[in-house]
């Protein structure tokens, strides 16, 4: 069994923090307590993935995967998928949790999944280039290419 890992975007300070622990609530209907590195702040969250919104933090789970450079891939990461290394053709996706299917997947800004096996590109074809919180300037890259086949009218 793999160990669950999280990171958290500290909304007020606009910085990423490592999650040290998630403690389940002993009180019915109360959300778990999340302990975050470098602060005494604790928040409450619905866990896992129902809300992800903690009082002052946004939780993101580690997918268990790494990119072509060995960097860990988390929810909220923006990845570049290299389709053709010779011509430099690539696409950009956000890593999200799919509650319906119970898996992580890569989607564009419209929620369209990446068209690779298991909805996740091969390790040597993916590279984390940032995330949606620390790098909002990358969000326009997630817009699907208007010239792509999936956007052409039949």
N, C-alpha and C. Protein backbone atom coordinates (compact mmCIF):
# COMPACT_ATOMS: atom_id res chain seq x y z
N UNK A 1 0.84 -1.17 0.00
CA UNK A 1 0.00 0.00 0.00
C UNK A 1 0.89 1.24 0.00
N UNK A 2 0.57 2.21 -0.83
CA UNK A 2 1.38 3.42 -0.88
C UNK A 2 0.95 4.40 0.20
N UNK A 3 1.90 5.17 0.65
CA UNK A 3 1.64 6.19 1.66
C UNK A 3 0.97 7.39 1.01
N UNK A 4 -0.08 7.91 1.63
CA UNK A 4 -0.74 9.10 1.11
C UNK A 4 0.06 10.34 1.48
N UNK A 5 0.24 11.22 0.51
CA UNK A 5 0.95 12.48 0.74
C UNK A 5 0.08 13.62 0.24
N UNK A 6 0.20 14.75 0.91
CA UNK A 6 -0.55 15.93 0.51
C UNK A 6 0.35 17.16 0.56
N UNK A 7 -0.07 18.17 -0.15
CA UNK A 7 0.48 19.51 0.02
C UNK A 7 -0.73 20.43 0.14
N UNK A 8 -0.49 21.65 0.59
CA UNK A 8 -1.61 22.57 0.79
C UNK A 8 -1.22 23.97 0.34
N UNK A 9 -2.11 24.61 -0.39
CA UNK A 9 -1.94 26.00 -0.79
C UNK A 9 -2.51 26.85 0.33
N UNK A 10 -1.64 27.66 0.95
CA UNK A 10 -2.04 28.55 2.04
C UNK A 10 -2.61 29.79 1.38
N UNK A 11 -3.92 29.91 1.38
CA UNK A 11 -4.63 30.95 0.65
C UNK A 11 -4.21 32.35 1.10
N UNK A 12 -4.17 32.59 2.40
CA UNK A 12 -3.88 33.93 2.91
C UNK A 12 -2.47 34.41 2.58
N UNK A 13 -1.50 33.50 2.65
CA UNK A 13 -0.10 33.89 2.40
C UNK A 13 0.35 33.59 0.97
N UNK A 14 -0.52 32.94 0.21
CA UNK A 14 -0.21 32.58 -1.18
C UNK A 14 1.12 31.82 -1.29
N UNK A 15 1.21 30.74 -0.51
CA UNK A 15 2.39 29.88 -0.58
C UNK A 15 2.01 28.42 -0.36
N UNK A 16 2.81 27.53 -0.93
CA UNK A 16 2.58 26.10 -0.83
C UNK A 16 3.22 25.58 0.45
N UNK A 17 2.50 24.70 1.15
CA UNK A 17 2.98 24.10 2.40
C UNK A 17 2.87 22.58 2.29
N UNK A 18 3.76 21.90 3.02
CA UNK A 18 3.71 20.44 3.12
C UNK A 18 2.73 20.07 4.23
N UNK A 19 1.87 19.12 3.95
CA UNK A 19 0.93 18.64 4.96
C UNK A 19 1.64 17.59 5.80
N UNK A 20 1.65 17.80 7.10
CA UNK A 20 2.31 16.87 8.02
C UNK A 20 1.37 15.74 8.41
N UNK A 21 0.11 16.06 8.67
CA UNK A 21 -0.83 15.03 9.10
C UNK A 21 -2.26 15.45 8.83
N UNK A 22 -3.10 14.45 8.65
CA UNK A 22 -4.53 14.64 8.56
C UNK A 22 -5.12 13.75 9.65
N UNK A 23 -5.81 14.36 10.61
CA UNK A 23 -6.37 13.63 11.74
C UNK A 23 -7.87 13.48 11.55
N UNK A 24 -8.38 12.24 11.59
CA UNK A 24 -9.83 12.08 11.48
C UNK A 24 -10.53 12.66 12.70
N UNK A 25 -11.72 13.10 12.49
CA UNK A 25 -12.51 13.67 13.58
C UNK A 25 -13.09 12.57 14.44
N UNK A 26 -13.13 12.80 15.74
CA UNK A 26 -13.75 11.86 16.67
C UNK A 26 -15.21 12.21 16.89
N UNK A 27 -15.62 13.34 16.33
CA UNK A 27 -16.99 13.82 16.48
C UNK A 27 -17.72 13.59 15.16
N UNK A 28 -18.89 12.95 15.23
CA UNK A 28 -19.65 12.67 14.02
C UNK A 28 -19.97 13.96 13.27
N UNK A 29 -19.87 13.93 11.97
CA UNK A 29 -20.16 15.06 11.09
C UNK A 29 -19.15 16.20 11.19
N UNK A 30 -18.09 16.03 11.94
CA UNK A 30 -17.06 17.07 11.99
C UNK A 30 -15.94 16.68 11.03
N UNK A 31 -15.41 17.64 10.35
CA UNK A 31 -14.39 17.38 9.35
C UNK A 31 -13.03 17.14 10.01
N UNK A 32 -12.12 16.41 9.34
CA UNK A 32 -10.79 16.14 9.91
C UNK A 32 -9.96 17.41 10.11
N UNK A 33 -8.97 17.31 10.98
CA UNK A 33 -8.03 18.40 11.23
C UNK A 33 -6.80 18.16 10.37
N UNK A 34 -6.30 19.21 9.75
CA UNK A 34 -5.13 19.12 8.88
C UNK A 34 -4.00 19.93 9.51
N UNK A 35 -2.83 19.29 9.74
CA UNK A 35 -1.67 19.99 10.30
C UNK A 35 -0.71 20.28 9.15
N UNK A 36 -0.33 21.55 9.02
CA UNK A 36 0.49 22.00 7.89
C UNK A 36 1.84 22.49 8.40
N UNK A 37 2.91 22.15 7.68
CA UNK A 37 4.27 22.53 8.04
C UNK A 37 4.46 24.05 8.09
N UNK A 38 5.20 24.51 9.09
CA UNK A 38 5.60 25.92 9.13
C UNK A 38 4.56 26.86 9.66
N UNK A 39 3.51 26.35 10.26
CA UNK A 39 2.48 27.21 10.81
C UNK A 39 1.74 26.46 11.91
N UNK A 40 1.19 27.19 12.85
CA UNK A 40 0.38 26.59 13.90
C UNK A 40 -1.07 26.50 13.47
N UNK A 41 -1.36 27.01 12.28
CA UNK A 41 -2.71 27.06 11.76
C UNK A 41 -3.25 25.66 11.53
N UNK A 42 -4.46 25.40 11.95
CA UNK A 42 -5.14 24.15 11.64
C UNK A 42 -6.45 24.49 10.98
N UNK A 43 -6.84 23.67 10.04
CA UNK A 43 -8.10 23.91 9.36
C UNK A 43 -8.93 22.66 9.38
N UNK A 44 -10.12 22.74 8.87
CA UNK A 44 -11.00 21.60 8.80
C UNK A 44 -11.34 21.33 7.35
N UNK A 45 -11.37 20.06 6.98
CA UNK A 45 -11.62 19.71 5.59
C UNK A 45 -12.50 18.49 5.48
N UNK A 46 -13.25 18.41 4.40
CA UNK A 46 -13.95 17.18 4.07
C UNK A 46 -12.94 16.31 3.35
N UNK A 47 -12.77 15.09 3.77
CA UNK A 47 -11.66 14.27 3.27
C UNK A 47 -12.20 12.89 2.90
N UNK A 48 -11.81 12.27 1.81
CA UNK A 48 -10.96 12.84 0.77
C UNK A 48 -11.77 13.43 -0.38
N UNK A 49 -11.34 14.43 -0.95
CA UNK A 49 -11.76 15.01 -2.22
C UNK A 49 -13.19 15.52 -2.32
N UNK A 50 -13.99 15.42 -1.28
CA UNK A 50 -15.36 15.91 -1.42
C UNK A 50 -15.38 17.42 -1.51
N UNK A 51 -14.48 18.06 -0.80
CA UNK A 51 -14.44 19.52 -0.83
C UNK A 51 -13.03 20.02 -1.10
N UNK A 52 -12.05 19.41 -0.45
CA UNK A 52 -10.64 19.82 -0.52
C UNK A 52 -10.40 21.21 0.04
N UNK A 53 -11.43 21.94 0.36
CA UNK A 53 -11.26 23.30 0.87
C UNK A 53 -11.12 23.25 2.39
N UNK A 54 -9.98 23.66 2.88
CA UNK A 54 -9.72 23.75 4.31
C UNK A 54 -9.88 25.23 4.65
N UNK A 55 -10.11 25.56 5.91
CA UNK A 55 -10.36 26.94 6.30
C UNK A 55 -9.46 27.93 5.56
N UNK A 56 -8.16 27.78 5.67
CA UNK A 56 -7.23 28.69 5.02
C UNK A 56 -6.37 28.00 3.96
N UNK A 57 -6.66 26.74 3.69
CA UNK A 57 -5.81 25.94 2.80
C UNK A 57 -6.64 25.23 1.74
N UNK A 58 -5.98 24.89 0.63
CA UNK A 58 -6.55 24.00 -0.37
C UNK A 58 -5.66 22.76 -0.38
N UNK A 59 -6.25 21.61 -0.07
CA UNK A 59 -5.49 20.35 -0.06
C UNK A 59 -5.33 19.79 -1.45
N UNK A 60 -4.15 19.21 -1.72
CA UNK A 60 -3.89 18.53 -2.99
C UNK A 60 -3.16 17.23 -2.69
N UNK A 61 -3.67 16.12 -3.22
CA UNK A 61 -3.08 14.82 -2.95
C UNK A 61 -2.04 14.47 -4.00
N UNK A 62 -0.99 13.78 -3.56
CA UNK A 62 0.05 13.24 -4.44
C UNK A 62 -0.55 12.08 -5.22
N UNK A 63 -0.33 12.04 -6.51
CA UNK A 63 -0.91 11.00 -7.37
C UNK A 63 -0.18 9.66 -7.28
N UNK A 64 1.03 9.67 -6.74
CA UNK A 64 1.85 8.46 -6.73
C UNK A 64 2.71 8.37 -7.98
N UNK A 65 2.61 9.38 -8.85
CA UNK A 65 3.35 9.39 -10.11
C UNK A 65 4.38 10.52 -10.11
N UNK A 66 5.38 10.37 -10.98
CA UNK A 66 6.40 11.39 -11.16
C UNK A 66 6.50 11.75 -12.64
N UNK A 67 7.02 12.94 -12.89
CA UNK A 67 7.17 13.36 -14.29
C UNK A 67 8.51 12.88 -14.85
N UNK A 68 8.83 13.30 -16.04
CA UNK A 68 10.05 12.85 -16.72
C UNK A 68 11.33 13.28 -16.00
N UNK A 69 11.22 14.28 -15.11
CA UNK A 69 12.38 14.75 -14.34
C UNK A 69 12.39 14.21 -12.91
N UNK A 70 11.46 13.32 -12.60
CA UNK A 70 11.40 12.74 -11.26
C UNK A 70 10.61 13.56 -10.26
N UNK A 71 9.97 14.64 -10.71
CA UNK A 71 9.19 15.50 -9.82
C UNK A 71 7.83 14.85 -9.51
N UNK A 72 7.43 14.89 -8.23
CA UNK A 72 6.15 14.34 -7.83
C UNK A 72 5.00 15.12 -8.47
N UNK A 73 3.95 14.40 -8.87
CA UNK A 73 2.79 15.02 -9.50
C UNK A 73 1.64 15.03 -8.50
N UNK A 74 1.09 16.23 -8.25
CA UNK A 74 -0.03 16.43 -7.32
C UNK A 74 -1.24 16.94 -8.06
N UNK A 75 -2.40 16.82 -7.42
CA UNK A 75 -3.60 17.49 -7.91
C UNK A 75 -3.26 18.97 -8.06
N UNK A 76 -3.85 19.60 -9.05
CA UNK A 76 -3.62 21.03 -9.25
C UNK A 76 -2.37 21.34 -10.05
N UNK A 77 -1.53 20.35 -10.31
CA UNK A 77 -0.34 20.59 -11.14
C UNK A 77 -0.76 20.79 -12.59
N UNK A 78 0.02 21.59 -13.28
CA UNK A 78 -0.15 21.77 -14.72
C UNK A 78 0.99 21.00 -15.37
N UNK A 79 0.61 20.08 -16.24
CA UNK A 79 1.66 19.28 -16.89
C UNK A 79 1.66 19.53 -18.39
N UNK A 80 2.86 19.47 -18.93
CA UNK A 80 3.05 19.56 -20.37
C UNK A 80 3.19 18.13 -20.87
N UNK A 81 2.34 17.74 -21.82
CA UNK A 81 2.40 16.42 -22.43
C UNK A 81 3.06 16.58 -23.79
N UNK A 82 4.20 15.93 -23.96
CA UNK A 82 4.95 16.03 -25.21
C UNK A 82 4.40 14.99 -26.18
N UNK A 83 3.75 15.46 -27.25
CA UNK A 83 3.15 14.55 -28.23
C UNK A 83 4.15 14.18 -29.32
N UNK A 84 5.01 15.13 -29.69
CA UNK A 84 5.98 14.89 -30.76
C UNK A 84 7.24 15.68 -30.43
N UNK A 85 8.26 14.97 -29.94
CA UNK A 85 9.49 15.65 -29.54
C UNK A 85 10.24 16.26 -30.71
N UNK A 86 10.14 15.66 -31.87
CA UNK A 86 10.86 16.17 -33.04
C UNK A 86 10.29 17.52 -33.48
N UNK A 87 8.96 17.62 -33.55
CA UNK A 87 8.32 18.87 -33.98
C UNK A 87 7.97 19.79 -32.82
N UNK A 88 8.23 19.35 -31.60
CA UNK A 88 7.95 20.18 -30.43
C UNK A 88 6.47 20.31 -30.12
N UNK A 89 5.65 19.39 -30.64
CA UNK A 89 4.21 19.46 -30.39
C UNK A 89 3.89 18.99 -28.97
N UNK A 90 3.14 19.81 -28.24
CA UNK A 90 2.78 19.44 -26.88
C UNK A 90 1.41 20.00 -26.52
N UNK A 91 0.83 19.45 -25.46
CA UNK A 91 -0.45 19.91 -24.94
C UNK A 91 -0.30 20.12 -23.44
N UNK A 92 -1.21 20.88 -22.84
CA UNK A 92 -1.11 21.20 -21.42
C UNK A 92 -2.40 20.79 -20.72
N UNK A 93 -2.24 20.22 -19.53
CA UNK A 93 -3.39 19.72 -18.77
C UNK A 93 -3.21 20.00 -17.28
N UNK A 94 -4.35 20.06 -16.59
CA UNK A 94 -4.36 20.13 -15.13
C UNK A 94 -4.62 18.73 -14.58
N UNK A 95 -3.95 18.37 -13.50
CA UNK A 95 -4.18 17.10 -12.84
C UNK A 95 -5.33 17.27 -11.85
N UNK A 96 -6.36 16.44 -11.99
CA UNK A 96 -7.54 16.53 -11.12
C UNK A 96 -7.93 15.14 -10.63
N UNK A 97 -8.71 15.11 -9.56
CA UNK A 97 -9.28 13.87 -9.05
C UNK A 97 -10.68 13.71 -9.65
N UNK A 98 -10.96 12.52 -10.19
CA UNK A 98 -12.26 12.21 -10.76
C UNK A 98 -13.01 11.34 -9.76
N UNK A 99 -13.97 11.93 -9.02
CA UNK A 99 -14.74 11.19 -8.01
C UNK A 99 -15.54 10.05 -8.60
N UNK A 100 -16.09 10.27 -9.80
CA UNK A 100 -16.93 9.25 -10.42
C UNK A 100 -16.15 7.97 -10.71
N UNK A 101 -14.94 8.11 -11.21
CA UNK A 101 -14.14 6.95 -11.59
C UNK A 101 -13.13 6.56 -10.51
N UNK A 102 -12.92 7.43 -9.52
CA UNK A 102 -11.98 7.13 -8.45
C UNK A 102 -10.54 7.09 -8.92
N UNK A 103 -10.16 8.09 -9.73
CA UNK A 103 -8.79 8.14 -10.24
C UNK A 103 -8.37 9.57 -10.54
N UNK A 104 -7.07 9.75 -10.67
CA UNK A 104 -6.52 11.04 -11.10
C UNK A 104 -6.51 11.05 -12.62
N UNK A 105 -6.74 12.23 -13.19
CA UNK A 105 -6.67 12.35 -14.64
C UNK A 105 -6.18 13.74 -15.01
N UNK A 106 -5.81 13.88 -16.26
CA UNK A 106 -5.38 15.16 -16.80
C UNK A 106 -6.52 15.71 -17.64
N UNK A 107 -6.91 16.97 -17.38
CA UNK A 107 -7.99 17.57 -18.14
C UNK A 107 -7.59 18.96 -18.62
N UNK A 108 -8.22 19.40 -19.71
CA UNK A 108 -7.99 20.76 -20.18
C UNK A 108 -8.95 21.70 -19.46
N UNK A 109 -8.98 22.96 -19.84
CA UNK A 109 -9.81 23.96 -19.16
C UNK A 109 -11.29 23.67 -19.26
N UNK A 110 -11.70 22.91 -20.28
CA UNK A 110 -13.11 22.57 -20.44
C UNK A 110 -13.46 21.24 -19.78
N UNK A 111 -12.49 20.62 -19.11
CA UNK A 111 -12.73 19.34 -18.45
C UNK A 111 -12.56 18.14 -19.35
N UNK A 112 -12.08 18.37 -20.59
CA UNK A 112 -11.84 17.26 -21.51
C UNK A 112 -10.60 16.50 -21.06
N UNK A 113 -10.71 15.16 -20.91
CA UNK A 113 -9.55 14.40 -20.47
C UNK A 113 -8.49 14.25 -21.56
N UNK A 114 -7.29 14.04 -21.12
CA UNK A 114 -6.16 13.74 -22.00
C UNK A 114 -6.46 12.42 -22.70
N UNK A 115 -6.11 12.28 -23.96
CA UNK A 115 -6.46 11.07 -24.72
C UNK A 115 -5.37 10.00 -24.71
N UNK A 116 -4.80 9.74 -23.54
CA UNK A 116 -3.78 8.71 -23.41
C UNK A 116 -4.32 7.57 -22.56
N UNK A 117 -3.68 6.43 -22.64
CA UNK A 117 -4.09 5.27 -21.84
C UNK A 117 -4.21 5.64 -20.36
N UNK A 118 -5.27 5.21 -19.73
CA UNK A 118 -5.57 5.49 -18.33
C UNK A 118 -5.65 6.98 -18.04
N UNK A 119 -5.88 7.78 -19.08
CA UNK A 119 -6.00 9.23 -18.95
C UNK A 119 -4.77 9.87 -18.32
N UNK A 120 -3.65 9.20 -18.37
CA UNK A 120 -2.41 9.79 -17.87
C UNK A 120 -1.29 9.44 -18.82
N UNK A 121 -0.60 10.43 -19.34
CA UNK A 121 0.46 10.16 -20.33
C UNK A 121 1.63 9.39 -19.73
N UNK A 122 2.35 8.74 -20.58
CA UNK A 122 3.52 7.97 -20.18
C UNK A 122 4.53 8.88 -19.47
N UNK A 123 5.29 8.33 -18.49
CA UNK A 123 6.21 9.14 -17.68
C UNK A 123 7.21 9.97 -18.48
N UNK A 124 7.74 9.44 -19.56
CA UNK A 124 8.73 10.19 -20.34
C UNK A 124 8.10 11.24 -21.24
N UNK A 125 6.78 11.33 -21.24
CA UNK A 125 6.06 12.29 -22.08
C UNK A 125 5.43 13.42 -21.27
N UNK A 126 5.54 13.39 -19.94
CA UNK A 126 4.88 14.40 -19.10
C UNK A 126 5.90 15.14 -18.25
N UNK A 127 5.62 16.45 -18.08
CA UNK A 127 6.51 17.29 -17.30
C UNK A 127 5.68 18.32 -16.52
N UNK A 128 5.90 18.37 -15.20
CA UNK A 128 5.22 19.37 -14.38
C UNK A 128 5.87 20.72 -14.67
N UNK A 129 5.04 21.71 -15.06
CA UNK A 129 5.59 23.04 -15.34
C UNK A 129 5.11 24.08 -14.33
N UNK A 130 4.25 23.66 -13.41
CA UNK A 130 3.74 24.57 -12.39
C UNK A 130 2.46 24.01 -11.82
N UNK A 131 1.71 24.89 -11.14
CA UNK A 131 0.41 24.48 -10.62
C UNK A 131 -0.55 25.66 -10.71
N UNK A 132 -1.83 25.37 -10.52
CA UNK A 132 -2.86 26.38 -10.74
C UNK A 132 -2.84 27.50 -9.70
N UNK A 133 -2.19 27.29 -8.57
CA UNK A 133 -2.16 28.31 -7.52
C UNK A 133 -0.93 29.20 -7.59
N UNK A 134 0.24 28.60 -7.72
CA UNK A 134 1.48 29.38 -7.75
C UNK A 134 1.75 29.98 -9.13
N UNK A 135 1.14 29.41 -10.16
CA UNK A 135 1.41 29.85 -11.53
C UNK A 135 0.13 30.11 -12.32
N UNK A 136 -0.71 31.05 -11.87
CA UNK A 136 -1.97 31.31 -12.59
C UNK A 136 -1.75 31.79 -14.02
N UNK A 137 -0.56 32.31 -14.30
CA UNK A 137 -0.27 32.77 -15.66
C UNK A 137 -0.23 31.60 -16.66
N UNK A 138 -0.14 30.36 -16.16
CA UNK A 138 -0.12 29.19 -17.04
C UNK A 138 -1.52 28.70 -17.41
N UNK A 139 -2.55 29.20 -16.74
CA UNK A 139 -3.91 28.72 -16.97
C UNK A 139 -4.38 28.84 -18.43
N UNK A 140 -4.01 29.90 -19.16
CA UNK A 140 -4.42 29.96 -20.57
C UNK A 140 -3.90 28.80 -21.42
N UNK A 141 -2.81 28.17 -20.99
CA UNK A 141 -2.28 27.02 -21.72
C UNK A 141 -3.25 25.84 -21.70
N UNK A 142 -4.14 25.80 -20.72
CA UNK A 142 -5.08 24.69 -20.58
C UNK A 142 -6.22 24.76 -21.58
N UNK A 143 -6.40 25.92 -22.22
CA UNK A 143 -7.48 26.06 -23.20
C UNK A 143 -7.19 25.13 -24.38
N UNK A 144 -8.18 24.33 -24.80
CA UNK A 144 -7.96 23.42 -25.93
C UNK A 144 -7.65 24.19 -27.20
N UNK A 145 -6.82 23.60 -28.03
CA UNK A 145 -6.46 24.19 -29.30
C UNK A 145 -7.69 24.21 -30.20
N UNK A 146 -8.05 25.38 -30.70
CA UNK A 146 -9.24 25.52 -31.55
C UNK A 146 -9.13 24.73 -32.84
N UNK A 147 -7.91 24.40 -33.25
CA UNK A 147 -7.72 23.67 -34.50
C UNK A 147 -7.73 22.17 -34.31
N UNK A 148 -7.81 21.69 -33.05
CA UNK A 148 -7.74 20.25 -32.83
C UNK A 148 -8.99 19.56 -33.34
N UNK A 149 -8.87 18.27 -33.64
CA UNK A 149 -9.97 17.51 -34.21
C UNK A 149 -11.20 17.48 -33.30
N UNK A 150 -10.97 17.42 -31.97
CA UNK A 150 -12.11 17.32 -31.05
C UNK A 150 -12.95 18.59 -31.02
N UNK A 151 -12.41 19.71 -31.51
CA UNK A 151 -13.16 20.95 -31.50
C UNK A 151 -13.75 21.31 -32.86
N UNK A 152 -13.46 20.51 -33.88
CA UNK A 152 -13.99 20.80 -35.22
C UNK A 152 -15.41 20.26 -35.33
N UNK A 153 -16.25 21.03 -35.99
CA UNK A 153 -17.62 20.59 -36.21
C UNK A 153 -17.63 19.56 -37.34
N UNK A 154 -18.50 18.56 -37.19
CA UNK A 154 -18.59 17.50 -38.20
C UNK A 154 -19.66 17.83 -39.21
